[in-house]
Amino acid sequence: MISNIAEKKLNILHLITRLVVGGAQDNTLLTVKNHDRTFYHVCLASNPDGVWLDRAKDYSDRFYPLSSLVNPISPLKDWKAFWDIVSILKKEKIDLVHTHSSKAGILGRLAANYCKIPVVHTIHGFPFHDFMPSWQRQFYITLEKAIAQKTDFFITVCELNRKEALELDIVREDNSQTIYSGIDFDKLDKTFDSQSLRQELDIASETKIITMVGRLDQQKAPYYLITAFAKVVQKCPDTVLLLVGEGELEESLQNQVGKLNIEEKVKFLGSRNDVPAILNITDIFALSSLWEGLGRAMTEAMLMGKPAVVPNIYGIPETVHHNETGLLFEAKDTDKLAKNLIFLLENPQECDRIGQNAKELTRKLFDGKEMVKQIEAIYEKILQTKEVS
């Protein structure tokens, strides 16, 4: 341990924009929870409007609600959020800031730089992607490159993201590292009451279950999955699709389901606090996203031995190896998506084989406690450098 750790606890502030259900949020909260309290006093700041507010309060030593921290660009609120963050940094005598997500990442890094405090930023996924107008994509890339100058170290949750950031000159080899987004195995390894859950959801014991967990938005593009699922039930009628999550597309998706005449086969479950229990009764996990960092819900499903049928995009192929730990398809290709789902439903032995392979691989890569150890090693390296300088 570095000298100032030995003398006193280091004050760390984690900053994330929202506490909605999502991979970045789960990663952040797990990190906050598992920090070694022998050496760290851990604060967390976020907009309090989110279903994981209680987790944020329970896991942090002190939680700061920032109602001024909002997702869309809002000059007045952004200005207030900046000074609110500066106030926290001074009040808590923060030694290091760790930012997550785009808006919190920008404002948090600016505030840390203003207070001359070292800052680590985790790239959970980029704010730009291939499905936005080129001018908009370039705007976000330019913004990320500018704020990168005020960042001591970058963490990416998959190696593909780090390589893209290197190519775009957002990060350097010497100030970036991939740390796979750890997951709390304990919540996945509980004993679940599958029969009661099936009864609650009105799903017969012999019915096969395909599950998607994620926001019902343009990124996740669940309308492609619904289109594919309509083809699946023609071949495998005793199958249901569970959509776990909320979002602005929910009404249009329900209309789509109605037009396809599969209302009895698709269940909109909204946000749930029992996702591991739902994954436990799931046969196949599926996504039809247009862009992803790595896919946290997908990883949780794989950790539980479920095969994933997912698009061949961004960081996903780092863990989903076609016909080994899952089945891949090109984004938007609903025919291939449907074909992959039907193959696994009609070949249960292959479904089990791929699911077991997925579990073996992910159990090696996604240990939450190991993730935090790697993050803390980065903190120490940065603070040692600051002490020497």
Protein backbone atom coordinates (compact mmCIF):
# COMPACT_ATOMS: atom_id res chain seq x y z
CA MET A 1 0.00 0.00 0.00
CA ILE A 2 1.19 3.50 -0.71
CA SER A 3 2.25 5.71 2.13
CA ASN A 4 -0.79 7.95 2.42
CA ILE A 5 -3.06 4.87 2.45
CA ALA A 6 -1.12 3.62 5.44
CA GLU A 7 -1.58 6.96 7.23
CA LYS A 8 -5.31 7.45 6.63
CA LYS A 9 -8.23 6.18 4.65
CA LEU A 10 -8.43 7.53 1.13
CA ASN A 11 -11.61 9.39 0.28
CA ILE A 12 -13.01 8.16 -3.04
CA LEU A 13 -15.98 9.64 -4.90
CA HIS A 14 -17.81 7.58 -7.49
CA LEU A 15 -20.02 9.63 -9.78
CA ILE A 16 -22.68 8.31 -12.18
CA THR A 17 -25.54 10.11 -13.88
CA ARG A 18 -28.50 7.90 -13.02
CA LEU A 19 -29.46 4.94 -10.83
CA VAL A 20 -31.68 3.21 -13.36
CA VAL A 21 -31.35 -0.53 -13.93
CA GLY A 22 -28.38 -0.96 -16.26
CA GLY A 23 -24.95 -2.48 -16.68
CA ALA A 24 -23.00 0.69 -15.90
CA GLN A 25 -25.04 1.25 -12.75
CA ASP A 26 -24.65 -2.33 -11.54
CA ASN A 27 -20.90 -2.19 -12.20
CA THR A 28 -20.59 1.08 -10.25
CA LEU A 29 -22.65 -0.10 -7.31
CA LEU A 30 -20.76 -3.39 -7.09
CA THR A 31 -17.46 -1.49 -7.09
CA VAL A 32 -18.68 0.84 -4.33
CA LYS A 33 -19.89 -2.13 -2.28
CA ASN A 34 -16.67 -4.15 -2.57
CA HIS A 35 -14.06 -1.46 -1.93
CA ASP A 36 -11.75 -2.42 0.94
CA ARG A 37 -13.01 -0.26 3.80
CA THR A 38 -9.70 -0.76 5.62
CA PHE A 39 -8.18 1.69 3.17
CA TYR A 40 -11.07 3.54 1.53
CA HIS A 41 -13.92 5.80 2.58
CA VAL A 42 -16.33 5.64 -0.36
CA CYS A 43 -18.82 8.31 -1.38
CA LEU A 44 -21.27 8.03 -4.25
CA ALA A 45 -23.10 10.84 -6.04
CA SER A 46 -25.88 10.52 -8.62
CA ASN A 47 -29.26 11.81 -9.63
CA PRO A 48 -31.47 10.07 -7.01
CA ASP A 49 -34.31 9.36 -9.43
CA GLY A 50 -33.82 5.65 -10.03
CA VAL A 51 -34.93 2.24 -8.79
CA TRP A 52 -31.47 1.47 -7.38
CA LEU A 53 -31.42 4.42 -4.99
CA ASP A 54 -31.63 2.11 -1.96
CA ARG A 55 -28.64 0.10 -3.20
CA ALA A 56 -26.70 3.33 -3.63
CA LYS A 57 -27.43 4.39 -0.07
CA ASP A 58 -26.74 0.94 1.38
CA TYR A 59 -23.43 0.35 -0.42
CA SER A 60 -21.80 3.77 -0.03
CA ASP A 61 -20.40 5.31 3.13
CA ARG A 62 -22.13 8.55 2.13
CA PHE A 63 -24.55 9.14 -0.73
CA TYR A 64 -25.03 12.55 -2.31
CA PRO A 65 -28.22 13.09 -4.36
CA LEU A 66 -27.59 15.40 -7.33
CA SER A 67 -30.95 16.39 -8.80
CA SER A 68 -29.09 18.82 -11.07
CA LEU A 69 -27.30 15.92 -12.81
CA VAL A 70 -29.52 15.08 -15.77
CA ASN A 71 -29.00 13.21 -19.02
CA PRO A 72 -29.93 15.65 -21.79
CA ILE A 73 -27.77 18.73 -22.23
CA SER A 74 -29.18 21.45 -19.97
CA PRO A 75 -26.83 24.43 -19.58
CA LEU A 76 -28.32 25.77 -16.34
CA LYS A 77 -28.60 22.37 -14.65
CA ASP A 78 -25.18 21.30 -15.95
CA TRP A 79 -23.63 24.48 -14.50
CA LYS A 80 -25.29 23.79 -11.14
CA ALA A 81 -24.25 20.12 -11.23
CA PHE A 82 -20.63 21.14 -11.83
CA TRP A 83 -20.58 23.35 -8.73
CA ASP A 84 -22.51 20.77 -6.69
CA ILE A 85 -19.78 18.23 -7.50
CA VAL A 86 -17.04 20.73 -6.63
CA SER A 87 -18.76 21.28 -3.29
CA ILE A 88 -18.74 17.53 -2.55
CA LEU A 89 -15.07 17.25 -3.48
CA LYS A 90 -14.14 20.01 -1.05
CA LYS A 91 -16.48 18.93 1.76
CA GLU A 92 -15.31 15.31 1.71
CA LYS A 93 -11.66 16.18 0.96
CA ILE A 94 -11.77 13.68 -1.88
CA ASP A 95 -8.43 12.12 -2.86
CA LEU A 96 -9.58 10.52 -6.13
CA VAL A 97 -12.68 10.73 -8.33
CA HIS A 98 -13.99 7.79 -10.35
CA THR A 99 -16.55 8.76 -12.97
CA HIS A 100 -18.99 6.59 -14.91
CA SER A 101 -21.30 7.33 -17.88
CA SER A 102 -21.12 10.24 -20.29
CA LYS A 103 -22.69 13.24 -18.54
CA ALA A 104 -21.27 12.43 -15.09
CA GLY A 105 -17.99 11.60 -16.82
CA ILE A 106 -17.73 15.05 -18.37
CA LEU A 107 -18.88 17.13 -15.41
CA GLY A 108 -17.05 14.98 -12.87
CA ARG A 109 -13.76 15.15 -14.72
CA LEU A 110 -14.06 18.92 -15.16
CA ALA A 111 -14.81 19.34 -11.45
CA ALA A 112 -11.93 17.07 -10.44
CA ASN A 113 -9.58 18.99 -12.72
CA TYR A 114 -10.79 22.29 -11.27
CA CYS A 115 -9.99 21.00 -7.76
CA LYS A 116 -6.70 19.43 -8.92
CA ILE A 117 -7.82 15.92 -7.93
CA PRO A 118 -6.82 12.80 -9.94
CA VAL A 119 -9.63 11.16 -11.83
CA VAL A 120 -10.35 7.72 -13.30
CA HIS A 121 -13.08 7.30 -15.89
CA THR A 122 -14.74 4.03 -16.84
CA ILE A 123 -16.00 3.80 -20.41
CA HIS A 124 -19.02 1.52 -20.07
CA GLY A 125 -19.96 2.29 -23.66
CA PHE A 126 -19.48 5.25 -25.94
CA PRO A 127 -22.07 8.04 -26.32
CA PHE A 128 -21.54 7.75 -30.08
CA HIS A 129 -22.36 4.84 -32.38
CA ASP A 130 -22.70 3.91 -36.03
CA PHE A 131 -26.45 4.46 -36.13
CA MET A 132 -26.45 8.22 -35.49
CA PRO A 133 -25.84 11.02 -38.04
CA SER A 134 -22.15 11.40 -38.86
CA TRP A 135 -22.05 15.01 -37.65
CA GLN A 136 -23.49 13.97 -34.30
CA ARG A 137 -21.04 11.09 -33.97
CA GLN A 138 -18.12 13.39 -34.75
CA PHE A 139 -19.37 15.94 -32.21
CA TYR A 140 -19.33 13.35 -29.42
CA ILE A 141 -15.92 12.01 -30.49
CA THR A 142 -14.48 15.54 -30.42
CA LEU A 143 -16.02 16.11 -26.98
CA GLU A 144 -14.59 12.85 -25.64
CA LYS A 145 -11.12 13.67 -27.00
CA ALA A 146 -11.23 17.10 -25.37
CA ILE A 147 -12.27 15.83 -21.93
CA ALA A 148 -9.73 12.98 -22.20
CA GLN A 149 -7.01 15.55 -21.60
CA LYS A 150 -8.39 15.95 -18.07
CA THR A 151 -8.36 12.24 -17.29
CA ASP A 152 -5.57 10.40 -15.47
CA PHE A 153 -6.66 6.89 -16.37
CA PHE A 154 -9.32 5.08 -18.40
CA ILE A 155 -10.95 1.73 -17.69
CA THR A 156 -12.86 -0.05 -20.45
CA VAL A 157 -15.19 -2.99 -19.83
CA CYS A 158 -14.13 -4.80 -22.99
CA GLU A 159 -10.96 -4.84 -25.08
CA LEU A 160 -12.79 -3.86 -28.25
CA ASN A 161 -13.83 -0.56 -26.63
CA ARG A 162 -10.24 0.10 -25.61
CA LYS A 163 -8.99 -0.57 -29.13
CA GLU A 164 -11.59 1.77 -30.60
CA ALA A 165 -10.67 4.45 -28.06
CA LEU A 166 -6.99 4.01 -28.99
CA GLU A 167 -7.77 4.35 -32.69
CA LEU A 168 -9.73 7.55 -32.03
CA ASP A 169 -6.93 8.99 -29.83
CA ILE A 170 -9.25 9.17 -26.83
CA VAL A 171 -6.94 7.00 -24.69
CA ARG A 172 -3.29 5.95 -24.79
CA GLU A 173 -1.71 2.55 -24.20
CA ASP A 174 -0.15 3.80 -20.96
CA ASN A 175 -3.31 5.32 -19.44
CA SER A 176 -5.91 2.68 -20.23
CA GLN A 177 -6.75 -0.87 -19.20
CA THR A 178 -9.57 -3.30 -19.83
CA ILE A 179 -11.20 -4.70 -16.70
CA TYR A 180 -14.16 -6.91 -17.40
CA SER A 181 -17.25 -5.73 -15.57
CA GLY A 182 -17.45 -7.92 -12.49
CA ILE A 183 -20.65 -9.45 -11.21
CA ASP A 184 -21.73 -10.56 -7.75
CA PHE A 185 -21.90 -14.35 -8.08
CA ASP A 186 -23.74 -14.70 -4.76
CA LYS A 187 -26.95 -13.19 -6.17
CA LEU A 188 -26.83 -15.64 -9.08
CA ASP A 189 -26.14 -18.76 -7.01
CA LYS A 190 -29.13 -18.58 -4.68
CA THR A 191 -31.79 -21.27 -4.51
CA PHE A 192 -34.76 -20.04 -6.54
CA ASP A 193 -38.41 -21.09 -6.34
CA SER A 194 -38.92 -21.71 -10.04
CA GLN A 195 -42.38 -23.19 -9.70
CA SER A 196 -43.78 -20.19 -7.81
CA LEU A 197 -42.28 -17.76 -10.31
CA ARG A 198 -43.74 -19.66 -13.25
CA GLN A 199 -47.13 -19.61 -11.53
CA GLU A 200 -46.84 -15.87 -10.92
CA LEU A 201 -46.01 -15.27 -14.57
CA ASP A 202 -48.64 -17.79 -15.75
CA ILE A 203 -46.13 -19.95 -17.60
CA ALA A 204 -46.63 -23.72 -17.70
CA SER A 205 -43.77 -25.93 -16.53
CA GLU A 206 -43.14 -27.39 -20.00
CA THR A 207 -43.18 -24.03 -21.83
CA LYS A 208 -39.81 -22.82 -23.12
CA ILE A 209 -38.74 -19.30 -22.14
CA ILE A 210 -36.72 -16.77 -24.14
CA THR A 211 -35.76 -13.68 -22.13
CA MET A 212 -34.46 -10.23 -22.93
CA VAL A 213 -33.33 -7.95 -20.10
CA GLY A 214 -32.71 -4.32 -21.01
CA ARG A 215 -34.19 -0.91 -21.67
CA LEU A 216 -36.95 -0.77 -24.25
CA ASP A 217 -35.20 1.83 -26.36
CA GLN A 218 -33.54 2.37 -29.72
CA GLN A 219 -30.19 0.99 -28.55
CA LYS A 220 -31.65 -2.37 -27.55
CA ALA A 221 -34.00 -2.34 -30.60
CA PRO A 222 -36.34 -5.01 -29.16
CA TYR A 223 -38.66 -4.68 -32.17
CA TYR A 224 -36.20 -6.86 -34.11
CA LEU A 225 -36.41 -9.54 -31.42
CA ILE A 226 -40.22 -9.41 -31.48
CA THR A 227 -40.22 -9.74 -35.28
CA ALA A 228 -37.95 -12.78 -35.01
CA PHE A 229 -39.99 -14.27 -32.18
CA ALA A 230 -43.14 -14.19 -34.30
CA LYS A 231 -41.28 -16.55 -36.67
CA VAL A 232 -40.10 -18.70 -33.76
CA VAL A 233 -43.60 -19.45 -32.44
CA GLN A 234 -44.66 -20.71 -35.87
CA LYS A 235 -42.12 -23.56 -35.46
CA CYS A 236 -42.05 -23.80 -31.65
CA PRO A 237 -45.50 -22.72 -30.45
CA ASP A 238 -45.00 -23.66 -26.78
CA THR A 239 -42.56 -20.79 -26.21
CA VAL A 240 -42.90 -17.40 -24.52
CA LEU A 241 -40.83 -14.23 -24.72
CA LEU A 242 -40.18 -12.24 -21.54
CA LEU A 243 -39.21 -8.59 -21.93
CA VAL A 244 -37.71 -7.32 -18.66
CA GLY A 245 -37.25 -3.56 -18.62
CA GLU A 246 -38.95 -0.25 -19.29
CA GLY A 247 -38.50 2.45 -21.90
CA GLU A 248 -40.00 4.84 -24.39
CA LEU A 249 -40.72 2.09 -26.93
CA GLU A 250 -43.00 0.05 -24.69
CA GLU A 251 -46.29 1.25 -26.19
CA SER A 252 -45.13 0.82 -29.79
CA LEU A 253 -43.78 -2.64 -28.95
CA GLN A 254 -47.11 -3.65 -27.47
CA ASN A 255 -48.79 -2.43 -30.66
CA GLN A 256 -46.31 -4.48 -32.70
CA VAL A 257 -47.09 -7.59 -30.65
CA GLY A 258 -50.81 -7.00 -31.25
CA LYS A 259 -50.40 -6.66 -35.01
CA LEU A 260 -48.39 -9.90 -35.08
CA ASN A 261 -51.14 -11.60 -33.04
CA ILE A 262 -48.73 -12.95 -30.42
CA GLU A 263 -50.08 -11.11 -27.34
CA GLU A 264 -50.40 -14.37 -25.39
CA LYS A 265 -46.79 -15.27 -26.15
CA VAL A 266 -45.04 -12.02 -25.14
CA LYS A 267 -44.98 -10.75 -21.57
CA PHE A 268 -43.89 -7.20 -20.69
CA LEU A 269 -42.58 -7.48 -17.13
CA GLY A 270 -41.25 -3.94 -16.61
CA SER A 271 -38.38 -3.35 -14.21
CA ARG A 272 -37.87 -6.25 -11.82
CA ASN A 273 -35.79 -6.78 -8.72
CA ASP A 274 -35.68 -10.55 -9.29
CA VAL A 275 -33.77 -10.73 -12.59
CA PRO A 276 -31.58 -13.67 -11.42
CA ALA A 277 -34.74 -15.64 -10.59
CA ILE A 278 -36.13 -14.87 -14.04
CA LEU A 279 -32.86 -15.91 -15.69
CA ASN A 280 -32.99 -19.12 -13.66
CA ILE A 281 -36.22 -20.22 -15.39
CA THR A 282 -35.00 -18.96 -18.77
CA ASP A 283 -33.93 -21.38 -21.52
CA ILE A 284 -32.34 -18.84 -23.90
CA PHE A 285 -31.21 -15.25 -23.40
CA ALA A 286 -31.64 -13.03 -26.45
CA LEU A 287 -30.78 -9.49 -27.50
CA SER A 288 -31.27 -7.58 -30.76
CA SER A 289 -29.26 -4.50 -29.81
CA LEU A 290 -27.70 -2.17 -32.37
CA TRP A 291 -24.77 -1.30 -30.10
CA GLU A 292 -23.49 -2.61 -26.76
CA GLY A 293 -20.48 -2.30 -24.52
CA LEU A 294 -20.39 -5.91 -23.44
CA GLY A 295 -23.94 -6.65 -22.32
CA ARG A 296 -24.21 -7.08 -18.54
CA ALA A 297 -27.55 -8.86 -18.42
CA MET A 298 -26.25 -11.16 -21.14
CA THR A 299 -23.19 -11.90 -19.01
CA GLU A 300 -25.35 -12.70 -15.98
CA ALA A 301 -27.37 -15.14 -18.08
CA MET A 302 -24.17 -16.81 -19.29
CA LEU A 303 -22.88 -17.02 -15.72
CA MET A 304 -26.05 -18.98 -14.93
CA GLY A 305 -25.44 -21.41 -17.77
CA LYS A 306 -27.84 -19.95 -20.32
CA PRO A 307 -26.93 -19.79 -24.01
CA ALA A 308 -27.05 -16.30 -25.53
CA VAL A 309 -28.41 -15.50 -28.99
CA VAL A 310 -27.04 -12.03 -29.58
CA PRO A 311 -25.79 -9.69 -32.32
CA ASN A 312 -22.19 -9.83 -33.52
CA ILE A 313 -21.40 -6.25 -32.45
CA TYR A 314 -18.81 -4.32 -30.40
CA GLY A 315 -17.57 -6.23 -27.33
CA ILE A 316 -20.08 -9.09 -27.45
CA PRO A 317 -17.89 -11.52 -29.49
CA GLU A 318 -15.20 -11.33 -26.79
CA THR A 319 -17.34 -13.64 -24.67
CA VAL A 320 -19.97 -15.02 -27.06
CA HIS A 321 -18.06 -17.36 -29.37
CA HIS A 322 -20.35 -18.63 -32.10
CA ASN A 323 -21.56 -22.18 -31.53
CA GLU A 324 -19.40 -22.46 -28.40
CA THR A 325 -20.76 -20.05 -25.76
CA GLY A 326 -23.67 -18.68 -27.77
CA LEU A 327 -25.00 -18.03 -31.24
CA LEU A 328 -24.31 -14.80 -33.14
CA PHE A 329 -26.15 -13.02 -35.91
CA GLU A 330 -25.61 -9.76 -37.78
CA ALA A 331 -27.48 -6.80 -36.29
CA LYS A 332 -31.00 -6.37 -37.74
CA ASP A 333 -30.97 -9.85 -39.34
CA THR A 334 -34.25 -11.14 -37.90
CA ASP A 335 -34.21 -14.26 -40.08
CA LYS A 336 -30.88 -15.41 -38.63
CA LEU A 337 -31.96 -14.43 -35.13
CA ALA A 338 -35.10 -16.55 -35.49
CA LYS A 339 -33.13 -19.43 -37.01
CA ASN A 340 -30.68 -19.43 -34.07
CA LEU A 341 -33.49 -19.42 -31.51
CA ILE A 342 -35.34 -22.24 -33.27
CA PHE A 343 -32.14 -24.31 -33.48
CA LEU A 344 -31.61 -24.16 -29.71
CA LEU A 345 -35.26 -24.83 -28.94
CA GLU A 346 -35.29 -27.88 -31.19
CA ASN A 347 -31.90 -29.16 -29.99
CA PRO A 348 -31.93 -29.16 -26.17
CA GLN A 349 -28.61 -31.01 -25.94
CA GLU A 350 -26.90 -28.25 -27.92
CA CYS A 351 -28.67 -25.68 -25.77
CA ASP A 352 -27.25 -27.33 -22.64
CA ARG A 353 -23.76 -27.70 -24.13
CA ILE A 354 -23.50 -24.07 -25.18
CA GLY A 355 -24.94 -22.90 -21.87
CA GLN A 356 -22.41 -24.90 -19.87
CA ASN A 357 -19.55 -23.57 -22.01
CA ALA A 358 -20.83 -20.03 -21.40
CA LYS A 359 -20.85 -20.60 -17.65
CA GLU A 360 -17.31 -21.98 -17.57
CA LEU A 361 -15.88 -19.07 -19.57
CA THR A 362 -17.66 -16.25 -17.75
CA ARG A 363 -16.95 -17.60 -14.27
CA LYS A 364 -13.26 -17.09 -15.05
CA LEU A 365 -13.64 -13.54 -16.37
CA PHE A 366 -16.30 -11.74 -14.33
CA ASP A 367 -15.53 -12.15 -10.63
CA GLY A 368 -16.73 -8.92 -8.99
CA LYS A 369 -14.20 -9.01 -6.16
CA GLU A 370 -11.33 -9.49 -8.58
CA MET A 371 -12.60 -6.53 -10.61
CA VAL A 372 -12.42 -4.25 -7.58
CA LYS A 373 -8.89 -5.43 -6.74
CA GLN A 374 -7.77 -4.45 -10.24
CA ILE A 375 -9.48 -1.06 -9.94
CA GLU A 376 -7.85 -0.36 -6.58
CA ALA A 377 -4.44 -1.26 -8.03
CA ILE A 378 -5.01 1.50 -10.61
CA TYR A 379 -5.93 3.96 -7.86
CA GLU A 380 -2.69 3.19 -6.04
CA LYS A 381 -0.62 3.58 -9.18
CA ILE A 382 -2.15 6.98 -9.92
CA LEU A 383 -1.78 8.26 -6.38
CA GLN A 384 1.80 7.07 -6.17
CA THR A 385 2.56 9.00 -9.35
CA LYS A 386 0.89 12.10 -7.92
CA GLU A 387 2.90 11.80 -4.67
CA VAL A 388 6.19 11.55 -6.58
CA SER A 389 5.35 14.50 -8.79
